[in-house]
Amino acid sequence: MRKHSWILLLTIGLLTLSPLASAAPVKDDWGMWLSNTYQTDFGGSNYLAFLELAPRTKNDNGEFNQVIVRPLLGYKLTRKLQLWLGYTWQGEYSKETDFELATNDFMQQLQWIDDWTPQLNFQYRFRMEERFFEGENTAFRMRHRFRFTYTLPETKAYLIALDELFVYFNSINHGRLASSVQPGINQNRSYVGVGYKLTPKINIDTGYQFQYVNNFGAQGGANHIWLTNLNVNF
């Protein structure tokens, strides 16, 4: 494990960003997110396909506010390294605008998957997004995610922890996004949960996620989220 110590240290550093950032005045909220993912390698080929469907709530779980639809196509460069291209429709719902303010993202992704031990799996994901907001300029954002899963010996249960950092490269200085799209850290998500392998191809995990949202001078957000992931591989 010594050769992986620098990754562990970096991950611990990222995990500290959320509580440090939330030391500034923030608005607390809680909600529930459900992520359904479906992935295939077409029977063992190097080609990959992925689909995520993810409804989300906010305002103390009293209001549906967002749904994610994310299809991707990928290719296995090696047993551990994958390249992906995809698209995200981020539907922002409100009673006043319905889904008229949806965001359309084009994305490129690099993913590294490595079994450090028979029980411990490590994944690193780097994602670039070109974000097209309704009625606004385009924003450019990168995302770094570190993910660990540890399978409990002689069981189908596992523990999961991840941290994801979001960083904008450019700014939108006018309109409804003026305080939310600026160069620098946009948000950070930290998640810990417990999972179970229902079958060799289906697993589910559930747990707590803390999301800090930086609004660049305006009041930030500290969102406490109960997150459940249902993952199907075929």
C-alpha atoms as a PDB file:
ATOM      1  CA  MET A   1       0.000   0.000   0.000  1.00  0.00           C
ATOM      2  CA  ARG A   2       2.995   2.342   0.327  1.00  0.00           C
ATOM      3  CA  LYS A   3       3.030   3.112  -3.394  1.00  0.00           C
ATOM      4  CA  HIS A   4      -0.540   4.372  -3.125  1.00  0.00           C
ATOM      5  CA  SER A   5       0.053   6.607  -0.108  1.00  0.00           C
ATOM      6  CA  TRP A   6       0.228   9.810  -2.163  1.00  0.00           C
ATOM      7  CA  ILE A   7      -3.260   9.131  -3.521  1.00  0.00           C
ATOM      8  CA  LEU A   8      -4.600   8.521  -0.027  1.00  0.00           C
ATOM      9  CA  LEU A   9      -3.062  11.757   1.206  1.00  0.00           C
ATOM     10  CA  LEU A  10      -4.522  13.706  -1.702  1.00  0.00           C
ATOM     11  CA  THR A  11      -7.941  12.203  -1.099  1.00  0.00           C
ATOM     12  CA  ILE A  12      -7.824  13.089   2.587  1.00  0.00           C
ATOM     13  CA  GLY A  13      -6.926  16.634   1.573  1.00  0.00           C
ATOM     14  CA  LEU A  14      -9.936  16.838  -0.719  1.00  0.00           C
ATOM     15  CA  LEU A  15     -12.201  15.459   1.994  1.00  0.00           C
ATOM     16  CA  THR A  16     -11.232  18.410   4.180  1.00  0.00           C
ATOM     17  CA  LEU A  17     -12.353  20.979   1.612  1.00  0.00           C
ATOM     18  CA  SER A  18     -16.047  20.701   2.465  1.00  0.00           C
ATOM     19  CA  PRO A  19     -15.879  21.475   6.186  1.00  0.00           C
ATOM     20  CA  LEU A  20     -13.265  24.185   5.636  1.00  0.00           C
ATOM     21  CA  ALA A  21     -15.319  25.844   2.929  1.00  0.00           C
ATOM     22  CA  SER A  22     -18.523  25.619   4.936  1.00  0.00           C
ATOM     23  CA  ALA A  23     -16.931  27.716   7.698  1.00  0.00           C
ATOM     24  CA  ALA A  24     -18.227  30.717   5.696  1.00  0.00           C
ATOM     25  CA  PRO A  25     -21.952  31.613   6.069  1.00  0.00           C
ATOM     26  CA  VAL A  26     -24.010  28.984   4.289  1.00  0.00           C
ATOM     27  CA  LYS A  27     -27.604  27.919   3.842  1.00  0.00           C
ATOM     28  CA  ASP A  28     -28.264  24.427   5.208  1.00  0.00           C
ATOM     29  CA  ASP A  29     -30.665  22.112   3.437  1.00  0.00           C
ATOM     30  CA  TRP A  30     -31.308  18.403   3.093  1.00  0.00           C
ATOM     31  CA  GLY A  31     -32.720  16.243   0.370  1.00  0.00           C
ATOM     32  CA  MET A  32     -32.680  12.818  -1.229  1.00  0.00           C
ATOM     33  CA  TRP A  33     -30.923  11.715  -4.419  1.00  0.00           C
ATOM     34  CA  LEU A  34     -31.525   8.450  -6.237  1.00  0.00           C
ATOM     35  CA  SER A  35     -29.056   7.389  -8.933  1.00  0.00           C
ATOM     36  CA  ASN A  36     -29.851   4.511 -11.301  1.00  0.00           C
ATOM     37  CA  THR A  37     -26.956   3.470 -13.549  1.00  0.00           C
ATOM     38  CA  TYR A  38     -26.816   0.911 -16.341  1.00  0.00           C
ATOM     39  CA  GLN A  39     -23.526  -0.150 -17.959  1.00  0.00           C
ATOM     40  CA  THR A  40     -22.478  -2.756 -20.514  1.00  0.00           C
ATOM     41  CA  ASP A  41     -19.325  -3.836 -22.341  1.00  0.00           C
ATOM     42  CA  PHE A  42     -21.368  -5.702 -24.969  1.00  0.00           C
ATOM     43  CA  GLY A  43     -20.325  -9.139 -23.798  1.00  0.00           C
ATOM     44  CA  GLY A  44     -16.665  -8.515 -23.014  1.00  0.00           C
ATOM     45  CA  SER A  45     -15.642  -6.115 -25.796  1.00  0.00           C
ATOM     46  CA  ASN A  46     -13.506  -2.982 -25.376  1.00  0.00           C
ATOM     47  CA  TYR A  47     -16.538  -0.799 -26.101  1.00  0.00           C
ATOM     48  CA  LEU A  48     -18.695   0.530 -23.284  1.00  0.00           C
ATOM     49  CA  ALA A  49     -22.107   2.159 -22.901  1.00  0.00           C
ATOM     50  CA  PHE A  50     -23.519   3.841 -19.796  1.00  0.00           C
ATOM     51  CA  LEU A  51     -26.772   5.523 -18.776  1.00  0.00           C
ATOM     52  CA  GLU A  52     -27.596   7.349 -15.537  1.00  0.00           C
ATOM     53  CA  LEU A  53     -31.072   8.475 -14.438  1.00  0.00           C
ATOM     54  CA  ALA A  54     -31.086  10.506 -11.220  1.00  0.00           C
ATOM     55  CA  PRO A  55     -34.017  12.390  -9.645  1.00  0.00           C
ATOM     56  CA  ARG A  56     -33.235  14.760  -6.752  1.00  0.00           C
ATOM     57  CA  THR A  57     -35.099  16.765  -4.103  1.00  0.00           C
ATOM     58  CA  LYS A  58     -34.341  19.839  -1.963  1.00  0.00           C
ATOM     59  CA  ASN A  59     -35.919  22.185   0.649  1.00  0.00           C
ATOM     60  CA  ASP A  60     -35.906  19.616   3.455  1.00  0.00           C
ATOM     61  CA  ASN A  61     -36.946  16.916   0.991  1.00  0.00           C
ATOM     62  CA  GLY A  62     -40.185  18.769   0.324  1.00  0.00           C
ATOM     63  CA  GLU A  63     -39.625  19.769  -3.294  1.00  0.00           C
ATOM     64  CA  PHE A  64     -38.561  17.912  -6.428  1.00  0.00           C
ATOM     65  CA  ASN A  65     -35.970  20.123  -8.089  1.00  0.00           C
ATOM     66  CA  GLN A  66     -33.729  18.260 -10.498  1.00  0.00           C
ATOM     67  CA  VAL A  67     -33.312  15.208 -12.693  1.00  0.00           C
ATOM     68  CA  ILE A  68     -30.155  14.017 -14.443  1.00  0.00           C
ATOM     69  CA  VAL A  69     -30.159  12.052 -17.708  1.00  0.00           C
ATOM     70  CA  ARG A  70     -26.594  11.088 -18.674  1.00  0.00           C
ATOM     71  CA  PRO A  71     -25.734   8.721 -21.584  1.00  0.00           C
ATOM     72  CA  LEU A  72     -22.065   7.960 -22.359  1.00  0.00           C
ATOM     73  CA  LEU A  73     -20.042   5.830 -24.763  1.00  0.00           C
ATOM     74  CA  GLY A  74     -16.611   4.555 -23.747  1.00  0.00           C
ATOM     75  CA  TYR A  75     -13.606   2.516 -24.772  1.00  0.00           C
ATOM     76  CA  LYS A  76     -11.193   0.406 -22.698  1.00  0.00           C
ATOM     77  CA  LEU A  77      -7.666   1.541 -23.577  1.00  0.00           C
ATOM     78  CA  THR A  78      -6.283  -1.036 -21.140  1.00  0.00           C
ATOM     79  CA  ARG A  79      -7.728  -3.322 -18.491  1.00  0.00           C
ATOM     80  CA  LYS A  80      -7.631  -0.399 -16.041  1.00  0.00           C
ATOM     81  CA  LEU A  81      -7.925   2.746 -18.187  1.00  0.00           C
ATOM     82  CA  GLN A  82     -11.101   3.929 -19.933  1.00  0.00           C
ATOM     83  CA  LEU A  83     -12.011   6.897 -22.134  1.00  0.00           C
ATOM     84  CA  TRP A  84     -15.584   8.206 -22.344  1.00  0.00           C
ATOM     85  CA  LEU A  85     -17.597  10.766 -24.325  1.00  0.00           C
ATOM     86  CA  GLY A  86     -21.074  11.766 -23.282  1.00  0.00           C
ATOM     87  CA  TYR A  87     -23.869  14.212 -22.702  1.00  0.00           C
ATOM     88  CA  THR A  88     -25.804  15.324 -19.623  1.00  0.00           C
ATOM     89  CA  TRP A  89     -29.282  16.804 -19.531  1.00  0.00           C
ATOM     90  CA  GLN A  90     -29.683  18.469 -16.142  1.00  0.00           C
ATOM     91  CA  GLY A  91     -33.323  19.341 -15.743  1.00  0.00           C
ATOM     92  CA  GLU A  92     -33.824  22.148 -13.224  1.00  0.00           C
ATOM     93  CA  TYR A  93     -37.458  22.062 -12.177  1.00  0.00           C
ATOM     94  CA  SER A  94     -39.551  24.795 -10.604  1.00  0.00           C
ATOM     95  CA  LYS A  95     -43.281  25.506 -10.615  1.00  0.00           C
ATOM     96  CA  GLU A  96     -42.651  28.833 -12.347  1.00  0.00           C
ATOM     97  CA  THR A  97     -40.417  27.641 -15.192  1.00  0.00           C
ATOM     98  CA  ASP A  98     -41.030  23.871 -15.321  1.00  0.00           C
ATOM     99  CA  PHE A  99     -37.857  22.504 -17.058  1.00  0.00           C
ATOM    100  CA  GLU A 100     -37.227  25.579 -19.229  1.00  0.00           C
ATOM    101  CA  LEU A 101     -33.901  26.320 -17.475  1.00  0.00           C
ATOM    102  CA  ALA A 102     -32.360  22.904 -18.146  1.00  0.00           C
ATOM    103  CA  THR A 103     -28.590  22.708 -18.660  1.00  0.00           C
ATOM    104  CA  ASN A 104     -27.003  20.730 -21.509  1.00  0.00           C
ATOM    105  CA  ASP A 105     -23.460  19.465 -20.922  1.00  0.00           C
ATOM    106  CA  PHE A 106     -21.059  17.825 -23.343  1.00  0.00           C
ATOM    107  CA  MET A 107     -18.391  15.880 -21.502  1.00  0.00           C
ATOM    108  CA  GLN A 108     -15.121  13.964 -21.856  1.00  0.00           C
ATOM    109  CA  GLN A 109     -13.999  11.535 -19.187  1.00  0.00           C
ATOM    110  CA  LEU A 110     -10.913   9.567 -18.201  1.00  0.00           C
ATOM    111  CA  GLN A 111     -11.373   6.761 -15.663  1.00  0.00           C
ATOM    112  CA  TRP A 112      -8.834   4.558 -13.901  1.00  0.00           C
ATOM    113  CA  ILE A 113     -10.029   1.419 -12.085  1.00  0.00           C
ATOM    114  CA  ASP A 114      -7.612  -0.653 -10.018  1.00  0.00           C
ATOM    115  CA  ASP A 115      -7.984  -3.498  -7.504  1.00  0.00           C
ATOM    116  CA  TRP A 116      -5.351  -2.657  -4.888  1.00  0.00           C
ATOM    117  CA  THR A 117      -6.171  -5.845  -2.979  1.00  0.00           C
ATOM    118  CA  PRO A 118      -8.823  -8.561  -3.441  1.00  0.00           C
ATOM    119  CA  GLN A 119     -11.087  -6.519  -1.135  1.00  0.00           C
ATOM    120  CA  LEU A 120     -10.094  -2.886  -1.913  1.00  0.00           C
ATOM    121  CA  ASN A 121     -10.982  -1.235  -5.225  1.00  0.00           C
ATOM    122  CA  PHE A 122      -9.797   2.265  -6.179  1.00  0.00           C
ATOM    123  CA  GLN A 123     -11.246   4.447  -8.934  1.00  0.00           C
ATOM    124  CA  TYR A 124     -10.147   7.856 -10.165  1.00  0.00           C
ATOM    125  CA  ARG A 125     -12.328   9.817 -12.584  1.00  0.00           C
ATOM    126  CA  PHE A 126     -11.413  13.050 -14.379  1.00  0.00           C
ATOM    127  CA  ARG A 127     -14.247  14.741 -16.264  1.00  0.00           C
ATOM    128  CA  MET A 128     -14.349  17.860 -18.445  1.00  0.00           C
ATOM    129  CA  GLU A 129     -17.712  19.518 -19.063  1.00  0.00           C
ATOM    130  CA  GLU A 130     -18.820  22.185 -21.526  1.00  0.00           C
ATOM    131  CA  ARG A 131     -21.992  23.560 -19.946  1.00  0.00           C
ATOM    132  CA  PHE A 132     -24.661  25.242 -22.077  1.00  0.00           C
ATOM    133  CA  PHE A 133     -27.073  27.171 -19.860  1.00  0.00           C
ATOM    134  CA  GLU A 134     -30.430  28.379 -21.156  1.00  0.00           C
ATOM    135  CA  GLY A 135     -30.077  32.043 -22.132  1.00  0.00           C
ATOM    136  CA  GLU A 136     -26.488  32.298 -20.793  1.00  0.00           C
ATOM    137  CA  ASN A 137     -22.899  31.911 -21.956  1.00  0.00           C
ATOM    138  CA  THR A 138     -21.086  28.566 -21.990  1.00  0.00           C
ATOM    139  CA  ALA A 139     -19.120  27.516 -18.896  1.00  0.00           C
ATOM    140  CA  PHE A 140     -16.178  25.124 -18.687  1.00  0.00           C
ATOM    141  CA  ARG A 141     -15.791  22.892 -15.644  1.00  0.00           C
ATOM    142  CA  MET A 142     -13.578  20.011 -14.557  1.00  0.00           C
ATOM    143  CA  ARG A 143     -14.330  17.351 -11.962  1.00  0.00           C
ATOM    144  CA  HIS A 144     -11.944  15.128  -9.964  1.00  0.00           C
ATOM    145  CA  ARG A 145     -13.394  12.082  -8.192  1.00  0.00           C
ATOM    146  CA  PHE A 146     -11.651   9.575  -5.918  1.00  0.00           C
ATOM    147  CA  ARG A 147     -13.675   6.478  -5.013  1.00  0.00           C
ATOM    148  CA  PHE A 148     -12.880   3.559  -2.692  1.00  0.00           C
ATOM    149  CA  THR A 149     -14.893   0.380  -2.141  1.00  0.00           C
ATOM    150  CA  TYR A 150     -13.962  -2.250   0.423  1.00  0.00           C
ATOM    151  CA  THR A 151     -15.696  -5.628   0.282  1.00  0.00           C
ATOM    152  CA  LEU A 152     -16.179  -7.147   3.721  1.00  0.00           C
ATOM    153  CA  PRO A 153     -14.462 -10.571   3.791  1.00  0.00           C
ATOM    154  CA  GLU A 154     -16.679 -13.562   3.118  1.00  0.00           C
ATOM    155  CA  THR A 155     -19.781 -11.392   2.549  1.00  0.00           C
ATOM    156  CA  LYS A 156     -21.583  -9.645  -0.302  1.00  0.00           C
ATOM    157  CA  ALA A 157     -21.534  -6.353   1.617  1.00  0.00           C
ATOM    158  CA  TYR A 158     -19.102  -3.514   1.015  1.00  0.00           C
ATOM    159  CA  LEU A 159     -18.191  -0.073   2.319  1.00  0.00           C
ATOM    160  CA  ILE A 160     -17.882   2.883  -0.046  1.00  0.00           C
ATOM    161  CA  ALA A 161     -16.337   6.359   0.237  1.00  0.00           C
ATOM    162  CA  LEU A 162     -15.745   9.004  -2.390  1.00  0.00           C
ATOM    163  CA  ASP A 163     -14.893  12.655  -2.802  1.00  0.00           C
ATOM    164  CA  GLU A 164     -15.468  14.813  -5.892  1.00  0.00           C
ATOM    165  CA  LEU A 165     -14.174  18.323  -6.500  1.00  0.00           C
ATOM    166  CA  PHE A 166     -15.734  20.644  -9.125  1.00  0.00           C
ATOM    167  CA  VAL A 167     -13.749  23.592 -10.561  1.00  0.00           C
ATOM    168  CA  TYR A 168     -14.871  26.260 -13.071  1.00  0.00           C
ATOM    169  CA  PHE A 169     -12.391  27.787 -15.529  1.00  0.00           C
ATOM    170  CA  ASN A 170     -14.375  30.837 -16.684  1.00  0.00           C
ATOM    171  CA  SER A 171     -17.010  33.259 -15.431  1.00  0.00           C
ATOM    172  CA  ILE A 172     -20.534  34.397 -16.193  1.00  0.00           C
ATOM    173  CA  ASN A 173     -20.762  37.941 -14.864  1.00  0.00           C
ATOM    174  CA  HIS A 174     -24.370  38.855 -15.655  1.00  0.00           C
ATOM    175  CA  GLY A 175     -27.783  37.313 -15.224  1.00  0.00           C
ATOM    176  CA  ARG A 176     -29.048  34.568 -12.934  1.00  0.00           C
ATOM    177  CA  LEU A 177     -25.700  32.687 -12.837  1.00  0.00           C
ATOM    178  CA  ALA A 178     -23.425  35.648 -12.017  1.00  0.00           C
ATOM    179  CA  SER A 179     -22.710  34.436  -8.486  1.00  0.00           C
ATOM    180  CA  SER A 180     -22.507  30.722  -9.246  1.00  0.00           C
ATOM    181  CA  VAL A 181     -20.178  30.501 -12.279  1.00  0.00           C
ATOM    182  CA  GLN A 182     -16.774  32.022 -11.528  1.00  0.00           C
ATOM    183  CA  PRO A 183     -13.215  30.662 -11.872  1.00  0.00           C
ATOM    184  CA  GLY A 184     -12.347  28.432  -8.920  1.00  0.00           C
ATOM    185  CA  ILE A 185     -13.948  25.762  -6.751  1.00  0.00           C
ATOM    186  CA  ASN A 186     -17.625  25.391  -7.609  1.00  0.00           C
ATOM    187  CA  GLN A 187     -18.540  22.599  -5.201  1.00  0.00           C
ATOM    188  CA  ASN A 188     -17.305  19.532  -3.355  1.00  0.00           C
ATOM    189  CA  ARG A 189     -19.154  16.302  -2.620  1.00  0.00           C
ATOM    190  CA  SER A 190     -18.139  13.738  -0.003  1.00  0.00           C
ATOM    191  CA  TYR A 191     -20.022  10.453   0.378  1.00  0.00           C
ATOM    192  CA  VAL A 192     -19.820   7.471   2.735  1.00  0.00           C
ATOM    193  CA  GLY A 193     -22.143   4.506   2.555  1.00  0.00           C
ATOM    194  CA  VAL A 194     -22.705   0.787   2.773  1.00  0.00           C
ATOM    195  CA  GLY A 195     -23.573  -1.464  -0.141  1.00  0.00           C
ATOM    196  CA  TYR A 196     -24.663  -4.967  -1.028  1.00  0.00           C
ATOM    197  CA  LYS A 197     -24.128  -7.102  -4.136  1.00  0.00           C
ATOM    198  CA  LEU A 198     -27.607  -8.393  -4.915  1.00  0.00           C
ATOM    199  CA  THR A 199     -26.271 -10.464  -7.824  1.00  0.00           C
ATOM    200  CA  PRO A 200     -22.907 -10.571  -9.648  1.00  0.00           C
ATOM    201  CA  LYS A 201     -24.272  -7.840 -11.969  1.00  0.00           C
ATOM    202  CA  ILE A 202     -26.478  -5.742  -9.664  1.00  0.00           C
ATOM    203  CA  ASN A 203     -25.457  -3.844  -6.535  1.00  0.00           C
ATOM    204  CA  ILE A 204     -26.953  -1.133  -4.378  1.00  0.00           C
ATOM    205  CA  ASP A 205     -25.426   1.262  -1.858  1.00  0.00           C
ATOM    206  CA  THR A 206     -26.889   3.954   0.348  1.00  0.00           C
ATOM    207  CA  GLY A 207     -25.468   6.548   2.710  1.00  0.00           C
ATOM    208  CA  TYR A 208     -24.786  10.183   3.529  1.00  0.00           C
ATOM    209  CA  GLN A 209     -23.414  12.803   1.160  1.00  0.00           C
ATOM    210  CA  PHE A 210     -22.305  16.303   2.099  1.00  0.00           C
ATOM    211  CA  GLN A 211     -22.359  18.807  -0.761  1.00  0.00           C
ATOM    212  CA  TYR A 212     -20.790  22.219  -0.340  1.00  0.00           C
ATOM    213  CA  VAL A 213     -21.701  24.739  -3.074  1.00  0.00           C
ATOM    214  CA  ASN A 214     -19.575  27.872  -3.430  1.00  0.00           C
ATOM    215  CA  ASN A 215     -21.550  30.861  -4.734  1.00  0.00           C
ATOM    216  CA  PHE A 216     -18.531  33.190  -5.047  1.00  0.00           C
ATOM    217  CA  GLY A 217     -19.366  35.953  -2.593  1.00  0.00           C
ATOM    218  CA  ALA A 218     -23.055  35.148  -2.172  1.00  0.00           C
ATOM    219  CA  GLN A 219     -24.355  32.767   0.474  1.00  0.00           C
ATOM    220  CA  GLY A 220     -23.069  29.257  -0.146  1.00  0.00           C
ATOM    221  CA  GLY A 221     -24.939  26.001   0.270  1.00  0.00           C
ATOM    222  CA  ALA A 222     -24.366  23.151   2.723  1.00  0.00           C
ATOM    223  CA  ASN A 223     -26.565  20.323   1.489  1.00  0.00           C
ATOM    224  CA  HIS A 224     -27.060  17.155   3.537  1.00  0.00           C
ATOM    225  CA  ILE A 225     -28.172  14.410   1.169  1.00  0.00           C
ATOM    226  CA  TRP A 226     -29.310  10.834   1.621  1.00  0.00           C
ATOM    227  CA  LEU A 227     -27.984   9.185  -1.538  1.00  0.00           C
ATOM    228  CA  THR A 228     -28.897   5.758  -2.908  1.00  0.00           C
ATOM    229  CA  ASN A 229     -27.179   4.218  -5.949  1.00  0.00           C
ATOM    230  CA  LEU A 230     -28.591   1.258  -7.870  1.00  0.00           C
ATOM    231  CA  ASN A 231     -26.029  -0.070 -10.375  1.00  0.00           C
ATOM    232  CA  VAL A 232     -26.726  -2.628 -13.094  1.00  0.00           C
ATOM    233  CA  ASN A 233     -23.967  -4.149 -15.263  1.00  0.00           C
ATOM    234  CA  PHE A 234     -24.822  -6.441 -18.155  1.00  0.00           C
END
